[in-house]
Amino acid sequence: MTENIQNHTVEEKLLNLFKLQSIDSQIDEIRTLRGELPLQVKDLEDEVAGLQTRIEKVENDNKELKKQIAEKEHSVKESNGLIEKYEKQQNTVRNNREFDSLNKEVEFQKLEIELSGKRIKEYKFKITENKDRIDEIKQRIAEKNEELNAKRVELEGIVSETQKDETDLVRQSEYLEKLIESRLLIAYKRIRGNVKNKLAIVSVNRDSCGGCFAKIPPQRQLDISTRKKITVCEHCGRILVDAAMREDIANMHV
């Protein structure tokens, strides 16, 4: 294999590189399409989980409020018991001082009952508000779950539709890599990794680089069209080929 690669003409090397780029670009498209959906699915799953956590937090808040209501109701019951006790004691007091003292205790307990009643109303109102919040959150969860299920179905469909294509393309890419000498292959992968659109091999279109659109001088275009040497764009570093090569690779079989 090494000897065959070394004996390849520059034109053959360029054809293999351009074909490899075409195949790798198709793989990129498949992975980009599929790559966005898993992220969307994950974001929706995280959002639903976050909403579920909020519901649990509000429900725990309601449990605590109900506990406090029970404590206040118990306090009211105790205060009523004390009032009844003090009022009975008032009937047996020996002087006004004892009567006034018991009367203050009765008034204090009545104030405690009033404050407890106020707190109970506040807690019940808060519970009602929380129930409304829970209903709103549940509605949002239902909407997000519907969107999530749709995204999952879409993702599963894309995976099933593209898996075979991707497998075939990867096989072709791996085969072509074996036909390219390591120096060129390393350069190709380095360029792909450094440019946004991952196009390392581009054709000259309308006298310009197909990657960065910089003008290519006529003499360099002539050199490119002869396919006698590897030519790179002076502006972006991509490997340049002539526009006719796109038609030529259509006749290649991997």
C-alpha atoms as a PDB file:
ATOM      1  CA  MET A   1       0.000   0.000   0.000  1.00  0.00           C
ATOM      2  CA  THR A   2       2.889   2.376   0.941  1.00  0.00           C
ATOM      3  CA  GLU A   3       4.577   1.873  -2.419  1.00  0.00           C
ATOM      4  CA  ASN A   4       1.338   2.512  -4.313  1.00  0.00           C
ATOM      5  CA  ILE A   5       0.728   5.726  -2.390  1.00  0.00           C
ATOM      6  CA  GLN A   6       4.227   7.002  -3.080  1.00  0.00           C
ATOM      7  CA  ASN A   7       3.747   6.292  -6.779  1.00  0.00           C
ATOM      8  CA  HIS A   8       0.517   8.300  -6.981  1.00  0.00           C
ATOM      9  CA  THR A   9       0.618  11.341  -9.205  1.00  0.00           C
ATOM     10  CA  VAL A  10      -0.219  14.763  -7.738  1.00  0.00           C
ATOM     11  CA  GLU A  11      -3.510  14.644  -9.613  1.00  0.00           C
ATOM     12  CA  GLU A  12      -4.391  11.304  -8.012  1.00  0.00           C
ATOM     13  CA  LYS A  13      -3.494  12.678  -4.608  1.00  0.00           C
ATOM     14  CA  LEU A  14      -5.700  15.721  -5.160  1.00  0.00           C
ATOM     15  CA  LEU A  15      -8.576  13.594  -6.408  1.00  0.00           C
ATOM     16  CA  ASN A  16      -8.381  11.378  -3.340  1.00  0.00           C
ATOM     17  CA  LEU A  17      -8.187  14.380  -1.019  1.00  0.00           C
ATOM     18  CA  PHE A  18     -11.142  16.091  -2.667  1.00  0.00           C
ATOM     19  CA  LYS A  19     -13.178  12.888  -2.587  1.00  0.00           C
ATOM     20  CA  LEU A  20     -12.284  12.426   1.082  1.00  0.00           C
ATOM     21  CA  GLN A  21     -13.395  15.983   1.786  1.00  0.00           C
ATOM     22  CA  SER A  22     -16.707  15.378   0.025  1.00  0.00           C
ATOM     23  CA  ILE A  23     -17.380  12.243   2.064  1.00  0.00           C
ATOM     24  CA  ASP A  24     -16.251  13.798   5.361  1.00  0.00           C
ATOM     25  CA  SER A  25     -18.531  16.776   4.693  1.00  0.00           C
ATOM     26  CA  GLN A  26     -21.497  14.417   4.298  1.00  0.00           C
ATOM     27  CA  ILE A  27     -20.571  12.779   7.618  1.00  0.00           C
ATOM     28  CA  ASP A  28     -20.329  16.252   9.192  1.00  0.00           C
ATOM     29  CA  GLU A  29     -23.835  17.110   7.975  1.00  0.00           C
ATOM     30  CA  ILE A  30     -25.307  13.926   9.447  1.00  0.00           C
ATOM     31  CA  ARG A  31     -23.574  14.419  12.779  1.00  0.00           C
ATOM     32  CA  THR A  32     -24.446  18.092  12.946  1.00  0.00           C
ATOM     33  CA  LEU A  33     -28.117  17.345  12.323  1.00  0.00           C
ATOM     34  CA  ARG A  34     -28.132  14.560  14.876  1.00  0.00           C
ATOM     35  CA  GLY A  35     -25.833  16.458  17.208  1.00  0.00           C
ATOM     36  CA  GLU A  36     -28.264  19.330  17.747  1.00  0.00           C
ATOM     37  CA  LEU A  37     -31.203  17.136  18.644  1.00  0.00           C
ATOM     38  CA  PRO A  38     -29.555  15.255  21.542  1.00  0.00           C
ATOM     39  CA  LEU A  39     -28.625  18.620  23.047  1.00  0.00           C
ATOM     40  CA  GLN A  40     -32.212  19.814  22.675  1.00  0.00           C
ATOM     41  CA  VAL A  41     -33.497  16.572  24.210  1.00  0.00           C
ATOM     42  CA  LYS A  42     -31.020  16.904  27.109  1.00  0.00           C
ATOM     43  CA  ASP A  43     -32.007  20.543  27.696  1.00  0.00           C
ATOM     44  CA  LEU A  44     -35.690  19.599  27.787  1.00  0.00           C
ATOM     45  CA  GLU A  45     -35.000  16.674  30.128  1.00  0.00           C
ATOM     46  CA  ASP A  46     -33.073  18.983  32.457  1.00  0.00           C
ATOM     47  CA  GLU A  47     -35.863  21.562  32.322  1.00  0.00           C
ATOM     48  CA  VAL A  48     -38.517  18.962  33.175  1.00  0.00           C
ATOM     49  CA  ALA A  49     -36.344  17.643  36.026  1.00  0.00           C
ATOM     50  CA  GLY A  50     -35.925  21.211  37.301  1.00  0.00           C
ATOM     51  CA  LEU A  51     -39.679  21.770  37.233  1.00  0.00           C
ATOM     52  CA  GLN A  52     -40.254  18.492  39.090  1.00  0.00           C
ATOM     53  CA  THR A  53     -37.783  19.653  41.745  1.00  0.00           C
ATOM     54  CA  ARG A  54     -39.697  22.920  42.078  1.00  0.00           C
ATOM     55  CA  ILE A  55     -42.927  20.990  42.630  1.00  0.00           C
ATOM     56  CA  GLU A  56     -41.278  18.886  45.335  1.00  0.00           C
ATOM     57  CA  LYS A  57     -39.982  22.045  47.005  1.00  0.00           C
ATOM     58  CA  VAL A  58     -43.419  23.700  46.974  1.00  0.00           C
ATOM     59  CA  GLU A  59     -45.085  20.500  48.223  1.00  0.00           C
ATOM     60  CA  ASN A  60     -42.558  20.313  51.081  1.00  0.00           C
ATOM     61  CA  ASP A  61     -43.317  23.952  51.833  1.00  0.00           C
ATOM     62  CA  ASN A  62     -47.022  23.085  52.047  1.00  0.00           C
ATOM     63  CA  LYS A  63     -46.297  20.183  54.378  1.00  0.00           C
ATOM     64  CA  GLU A  64     -44.407  22.530  56.666  1.00  0.00           C
ATOM     65  CA  LEU A  65     -47.238  25.078  56.515  1.00  0.00           C
ATOM     66  CA  LYS A  66     -49.800  22.402  57.416  1.00  0.00           C
ATOM     67  CA  LYS A  67     -47.596  21.378  60.333  1.00  0.00           C
ATOM     68  CA  GLN A  68     -47.490  24.983  61.525  1.00  0.00           C
ATOM     69  CA  ILE A  69     -51.279  25.262  61.140  1.00  0.00           C
ATOM     70  CA  ALA A  70     -51.696  22.164  63.311  1.00  0.00           C
ATOM     71  CA  GLU A  71     -49.375  23.674  65.913  1.00  0.00           C
ATOM     72  CA  LYS A  72     -51.298  26.964  65.917  1.00  0.00           C
ATOM     73  CA  GLU A  73     -54.638  25.139  66.180  1.00  0.00           C
ATOM     74  CA  HIS A  74     -53.249  23.201  69.129  1.00  0.00           C
ATOM     75  CA  SER A  75     -52.071  26.480  70.635  1.00  0.00           C
ATOM     76  CA  VAL A  76     -55.591  27.933  70.214  1.00  0.00           C
ATOM     77  CA  LYS A  77     -57.040  24.887  71.944  1.00  0.00           C
ATOM     78  CA  GLU A  78     -54.615  25.298  74.850  1.00  0.00           C
ATOM     79  CA  SER A  79     -55.374  29.019  75.082  1.00  0.00           C
ATOM     80  CA  ASN A  80     -59.129  28.327  75.193  1.00  0.00           C
ATOM     81  CA  GLY A  81     -58.503  25.817  77.971  1.00  0.00           C
ATOM     82  CA  LEU A  82     -56.492  28.358  79.944  1.00  0.00           C
ATOM     83  CA  ILE A  83     -59.174  31.038  79.454  1.00  0.00           C
ATOM     84  CA  GLU A  84     -61.802  28.668  80.799  1.00  0.00           C
ATOM     85  CA  LYS A  85     -59.525  27.887  83.761  1.00  0.00           C
ATOM     86  CA  TYR A  86     -58.762  31.531  84.549  1.00  0.00           C
ATOM     87  CA  GLU A  87     -62.414  32.565  84.251  1.00  0.00           C
ATOM     88  CA  LYS A  88     -63.380  29.872  86.783  1.00  0.00           C
ATOM     89  CA  GLN A  89     -60.623  31.057  89.109  1.00  0.00           C
ATOM     90  CA  GLN A  90     -61.973  34.603  88.896  1.00  0.00           C
ATOM     91  CA  ASN A  91     -65.126  33.382  90.658  1.00  0.00           C
ATOM     92  CA  THR A  92     -63.106  32.351  93.711  1.00  0.00           C
ATOM     93  CA  VAL A  93     -60.600  35.230  94.036  1.00  0.00           C
ATOM     94  CA  ARG A  94     -60.238  36.982  97.400  1.00  0.00           C
ATOM     95  CA  ASN A  95     -59.404  40.477  96.158  1.00  0.00           C
ATOM     96  CA  ASN A  96     -59.335  42.762  93.122  1.00  0.00           C
ATOM     97  CA  ARG A  97     -55.599  42.311  92.603  1.00  0.00           C
ATOM     98  CA  GLU A  98     -56.000  38.582  92.016  1.00  0.00           C
ATOM     99  CA  PHE A  99     -59.005  39.239  89.763  1.00  0.00           C
ATOM    100  CA  ASP A 100     -57.073  41.784  87.680  1.00  0.00           C
ATOM    101  CA  SER A 101     -54.119  39.421  87.408  1.00  0.00           C
ATOM    102  CA  LEU A 102     -56.338  36.616  86.107  1.00  0.00           C
ATOM    103  CA  ASN A 103     -58.091  39.044  83.783  1.00  0.00           C
ATOM    104  CA  LYS A 104     -54.729  39.974  82.237  1.00  0.00           C
ATOM    105  CA  GLU A 105     -53.989  36.300  81.703  1.00  0.00           C
ATOM    106  CA  VAL A 106     -57.359  35.886  79.976  1.00  0.00           C
ATOM    107  CA  GLU A 107     -56.679  38.906  77.741  1.00  0.00           C
ATOM    108  CA  PHE A 108     -53.205  37.570  76.927  1.00  0.00           C
ATOM    109  CA  GLN A 109     -54.601  34.190  75.905  1.00  0.00           C
ATOM    110  CA  LYS A 110     -57.274  35.874  73.772  1.00  0.00           C
ATOM    111  CA  LEU A 111     -54.502  37.852  72.068  1.00  0.00           C
ATOM    112  CA  GLU A 112     -52.600  34.614  71.506  1.00  0.00           C
ATOM    113  CA  ILE A 113     -55.736  33.097  69.943  1.00  0.00           C
ATOM    114  CA  GLU A 114     -56.144  36.133  67.697  1.00  0.00           C
ATOM    115  CA  LEU A 115     -52.501  36.000  66.574  1.00  0.00           C
ATOM    116  CA  SER A 116     -52.699  32.248  66.000  1.00  0.00           C
ATOM    117  CA  GLY A 117     -55.872  32.729  63.949  1.00  0.00           C
ATOM    118  CA  LYS A 118     -54.127  35.368  61.867  1.00  0.00           C
ATOM    119  CA  ARG A 119     -51.173  33.074  61.252  1.00  0.00           C
ATOM    120  CA  ILE A 120     -53.474  30.178  60.340  1.00  0.00           C
ATOM    121  CA  LYS A 121     -55.206  32.356  57.725  1.00  0.00           C
ATOM    122  CA  GLU A 122     -51.821  33.426  56.332  1.00  0.00           C
ATOM    123  CA  TYR A 123     -50.602  29.826  56.156  1.00  0.00           C
ATOM    124  CA  LYS A 124     -53.824  28.650  54.478  1.00  0.00           C
ATOM    125  CA  PHE A 125     -53.596  31.476  51.953  1.00  0.00           C
ATOM    126  CA  LYS A 126     -49.979  30.528  51.238  1.00  0.00           C
ATOM    127  CA  ILE A 127     -51.007  26.882  50.773  1.00  0.00           C
ATOM    128  CA  THR A 128     -53.657  27.963  48.256  1.00  0.00           C
ATOM    129  CA  GLU A 129     -51.077  30.057  46.405  1.00  0.00           C
ATOM    130  CA  ASN A 130     -48.675  27.127  46.378  1.00  0.00           C
ATOM    131  CA  LYS A 131     -51.356  24.810  44.989  1.00  0.00           C
ATOM    132  CA  ASP A 132     -51.926  27.284  42.151  1.00  0.00           C
ATOM    133  CA  ARG A 133     -48.159  27.370  41.531  1.00  0.00           C
ATOM    134  CA  ILE A 134     -48.051  23.570  41.444  1.00  0.00           C
ATOM    135  CA  ASP A 135     -50.893  23.501  38.900  1.00  0.00           C
ATOM    136  CA  GLU A 136     -49.024  26.029  36.736  1.00  0.00           C
ATOM    137  CA  ILE A 137     -45.777  24.049  36.974  1.00  0.00           C
ATOM    138  CA  LYS A 138     -47.587  20.796  36.134  1.00  0.00           C
ATOM    139  CA  GLN A 139     -49.050  22.485  33.066  1.00  0.00           C
ATOM    140  CA  ARG A 140     -45.561  23.578  32.000  1.00  0.00           C
ATOM    141  CA  ILE A 141     -44.245  20.058  32.601  1.00  0.00           C
ATOM    142  CA  ALA A 142     -47.019  18.628  30.426  1.00  0.00           C
ATOM    143  CA  GLU A 143     -46.121  21.080  27.645  1.00  0.00           C
ATOM    144  CA  LYS A 144     -42.394  20.366  27.954  1.00  0.00           C
ATOM    145  CA  ASN A 145     -42.980  16.604  28.017  1.00  0.00           C
ATOM    146  CA  GLU A 146     -45.012  16.886  24.832  1.00  0.00           C
ATOM    147  CA  GLU A 147     -42.170  18.810  23.188  1.00  0.00           C
ATOM    148  CA  LEU A 148     -39.636  16.353  24.626  1.00  0.00           C
ATOM    149  CA  ASN A 149     -41.482  13.323  23.266  1.00  0.00           C
ATOM    150  CA  ALA A 150     -41.672  14.939  19.831  1.00  0.00           C
ATOM    151  CA  LYS A 151     -37.918  15.633  19.892  1.00  0.00           C
ATOM    152  CA  ARG A 152     -37.185  12.059  20.975  1.00  0.00           C
ATOM    153  CA  VAL A 153     -39.275  10.664  18.132  1.00  0.00           C
ATOM    154  CA  GLU A 154     -37.518  13.022  15.706  1.00  0.00           C
ATOM    155  CA  LEU A 155     -34.110  11.981  17.028  1.00  0.00           C
ATOM    156  CA  GLU A 156     -34.920   8.280  16.833  1.00  0.00           C
ATOM    157  CA  GLY A 157     -36.131   8.771  13.261  1.00  0.00           C
ATOM    158  CA  ILE A 158     -32.975  10.598  12.205  1.00  0.00           C
ATOM    159  CA  VAL A 159     -30.743   8.032  13.881  1.00  0.00           C
ATOM    160  CA  SER A 160     -32.529   5.140  12.180  1.00  0.00           C
ATOM    161  CA  GLU A 161     -32.509   6.920   8.808  1.00  0.00           C
ATOM    162  CA  THR A 162     -28.893   8.090   8.894  1.00  0.00           C
ATOM    163  CA  GLN A 163     -27.135   5.305  10.771  1.00  0.00           C
ATOM    164  CA  LYS A 164     -26.615   3.128   7.701  1.00  0.00           C
ATOM    165  CA  ASP A 165     -25.577   6.126   5.560  1.00  0.00           C
ATOM    166  CA  GLU A 166     -23.096   7.264   8.200  1.00  0.00           C
ATOM    167  CA  THR A 167     -21.650   3.768   8.571  1.00  0.00           C
ATOM    168  CA  ASP A 168     -21.163   3.491   4.800  1.00  0.00           C
ATOM    169  CA  LEU A 169     -19.618   6.970   4.591  1.00  0.00           C
ATOM    170  CA  VAL A 170     -17.245   6.298   7.488  1.00  0.00           C
ATOM    171  CA  ARG A 171     -16.136   3.102   5.756  1.00  0.00           C
ATOM    172  CA  GLN A 172     -15.443   5.043   2.554  1.00  0.00           C
ATOM    173  CA  SER A 173     -13.591   7.757   4.483  1.00  0.00           C
ATOM    174  CA  GLU A 174     -11.380   5.218   6.238  1.00  0.00           C
ATOM    175  CA  TYR A 175     -10.611   3.514   2.923  1.00  0.00           C
ATOM    176  CA  LEU A 176      -9.657   6.793   1.258  1.00  0.00           C
ATOM    177  CA  GLU A 177      -7.405   7.765   4.165  1.00  0.00           C
ATOM    178  CA  LYS A 178      -5.366   4.655   3.402  1.00  0.00           C
ATOM    179  CA  LEU A 179      -4.829   5.955  -0.144  1.00  0.00           C
ATOM    180  CA  ILE A 180      -3.381   9.265   1.084  1.00  0.00           C
ATOM    181  CA  GLU A 181       0.182   9.603   2.300  1.00  0.00           C
ATOM    182  CA  SER A 182       0.468  10.440   5.969  1.00  0.00           C
ATOM    183  CA  ARG A 183       1.993  13.925   5.430  1.00  0.00           C
ATOM    184  CA  LEU A 184      -0.968  15.058   3.325  1.00  0.00           C
ATOM    185  CA  LEU A 185      -3.496  13.347   5.596  1.00  0.00           C
ATOM    186  CA  ILE A 186      -2.087  15.091   8.662  1.00  0.00           C
ATOM    187  CA  ALA A 187      -2.201  18.443   6.866  1.00  0.00           C
ATOM    188  CA  TYR A 188      -5.759  17.769   5.712  1.00  0.00           C
ATOM    189  CA  LYS A 189      -6.974  16.960   9.232  1.00  0.00           C
ATOM    190  CA  ARG A 190      -5.108  19.930  10.713  1.00  0.00           C
ATOM    191  CA  ILE A 191      -6.739  22.330   8.247  1.00  0.00           C
ATOM    192  CA  ARG A 192     -10.178  20.788   8.882  1.00  0.00           C
ATOM    193  CA  GLY A 193      -9.687  21.290  12.584  1.00  0.00           C
ATOM    194  CA  ASN A 194      -8.699  24.936  12.164  1.00  0.00           C
ATOM    195  CA  VAL A 195     -11.489  26.174   9.893  1.00  0.00           C
ATOM    196  CA  LYS A 196     -15.093  26.737  10.921  1.00  0.00           C
ATOM    197  CA  ASN A 197     -16.777  24.891   8.044  1.00  0.00           C
ATOM    198  CA  LYS A 198     -14.219  22.012   8.155  1.00  0.00           C
ATOM    199  CA  LEU A 199     -13.445  22.430   4.457  1.00  0.00           C
ATOM    200  CA  ALA A 200      -9.753  21.678   3.965  1.00  0.00           C
ATOM    201  CA  ILE A 201      -9.991  21.107   0.187  1.00  0.00           C
ATOM    202  CA  VAL A 202     -11.847  23.720  -1.852  1.00  0.00           C
ATOM    203  CA  SER A 203     -12.195  24.480  -5.528  1.00  0.00           C
ATOM    204  CA  VAL A 204     -11.537  27.784  -7.235  1.00  0.00           C
ATOM    205  CA  ASN A 205     -14.831  29.422  -8.155  1.00  0.00           C
ATOM    206  CA  ARG A 206     -15.105  32.690 -10.070  1.00  0.00           C
ATOM    207  CA  ASP A 207     -11.377  33.298  -9.662  1.00  0.00           C
ATOM    208  CA  SER A 208     -11.671  33.035  -5.877  1.00  0.00           C
ATOM    209  CA  CYS A 209     -10.864  30.555  -3.133  1.00  0.00           C
ATOM    210  CA  GLY A 210     -13.936  28.462  -2.337  1.00  0.00           C
ATOM    211  CA  GLY A 211     -13.127  28.706   1.360  1.00  0.00           C
ATOM    212  CA  CYS A 212     -12.241  32.329   2.165  1.00  0.00           C
ATOM    213  CA  PHE A 213     -13.276  33.886  -1.206  1.00  0.00           C
ATOM    214  CA  ALA A 214      -9.927  35.623  -1.639  1.00  0.00           C
ATOM    215  CA  LYS A 215      -8.951  36.324  -5.262  1.00  0.00           C
ATOM    216  CA  ILE A 216      -6.582  33.806  -6.846  1.00  0.00           C
ATOM    217  CA  PRO A 217      -4.082  35.259  -9.383  1.00  0.00           C
ATOM    218  CA  PRO A 218      -4.417  33.913 -12.962  1.00  0.00           C
ATOM    219  CA  GLN A 219      -0.970  32.255 -12.907  1.00  0.00           C
ATOM    220  CA  ARG A 220      -1.815  30.352  -9.699  1.00  0.00           C
ATOM    221  CA  GLN A 221      -5.136  29.309 -11.245  1.00  0.00           C
ATOM    222  CA  LEU A 222      -3.232  27.937 -14.216  1.00  0.00           C
ATOM    223  CA  ASP A 223      -0.920  25.995 -11.880  1.00  0.00           C
ATOM    224  CA  ILE A 224      -3.949  24.605 -10.045  1.00  0.00           C
ATOM    225  CA  SER A 225      -5.657  23.521 -13.253  1.00  0.00           C
ATOM    226  CA  THR A 226      -2.605  21.551 -14.389  1.00  0.00           C
ATOM    227  CA  ARG A 227      -2.795  19.430 -11.217  1.00  0.00           C
ATOM    228  CA  LYS A 228       0.979  19.093 -11.165  1.00  0.00           C
ATOM    229  CA  LYS A 229       1.540  20.312  -7.603  1.00  0.00           C
ATOM    230  CA  ILE A 230      -0.266  20.888  -4.328  1.00  0.00           C
ATOM    231  CA  THR A 231      -1.331  24.530  -4.108  1.00  0.00           C
ATOM    232  CA  VAL A 232      -2.648  26.201  -0.969  1.00  0.00           C
ATOM    233  CA  CYS A 233      -4.530  29.455  -0.551  1.00  0.00           C
ATOM    234  CA  GLU A 234      -2.147  32.182   0.649  1.00  0.00           C
ATOM    235  CA  HIS A 235      -4.943  33.669   2.804  1.00  0.00           C
ATOM    236  CA  CYS A 236      -6.629  30.729   4.565  1.00  0.00           C
ATOM    237  CA  GLY A 237      -4.190  27.833   4.014  1.00  0.00           C
ATOM    238  CA  ARG A 238      -6.766  25.533   2.390  1.00  0.00           C
ATOM    239  CA  ILE A 239      -5.659  23.199  -0.408  1.00  0.00           C
ATOM    240  CA  LEU A 240      -6.949  24.436  -3.759  1.00  0.00           C
ATOM    241  CA  VAL A 241      -8.224  22.394  -6.709  1.00  0.00           C
ATOM    242  CA  ASP A 242      -9.789  23.400  -9.993  1.00  0.00           C
ATOM    243  CA  ALA A 243     -13.575  23.519 -10.352  1.00  0.00           C
ATOM    244  CA  ALA A 244     -13.618  20.642 -12.842  1.00  0.00           C
ATOM    245  CA  MET A 245     -12.400  18.225 -10.192  1.00  0.00           C
ATOM    246  CA  ARG A 246     -15.884  18.045  -8.697  1.00  0.00           C
ATOM    247  CA  GLU A 247     -17.091  16.358 -11.877  1.00  0.00           C
ATOM    248  CA  ASP A 248     -14.053  14.101 -11.954  1.00  0.00           C
ATOM    249  CA  ILE A 249     -14.646  12.657  -8.485  1.00  0.00           C
ATOM    250  CA  ALA A 250     -18.177  11.758  -9.502  1.00  0.00           C
ATOM    251  CA  ASN A 251     -16.574   9.134 -11.743  1.00  0.00           C
ATOM    252  CA  MET A 252     -14.470   7.685  -8.940  1.00  0.00           C
ATOM    253  CA  HIS A 253     -15.633   4.554  -7.117  1.00  0.00           C
ATOM    254  CA  VAL A 254     -14.628   3.890  -3.538  1.00  0.00           C
END
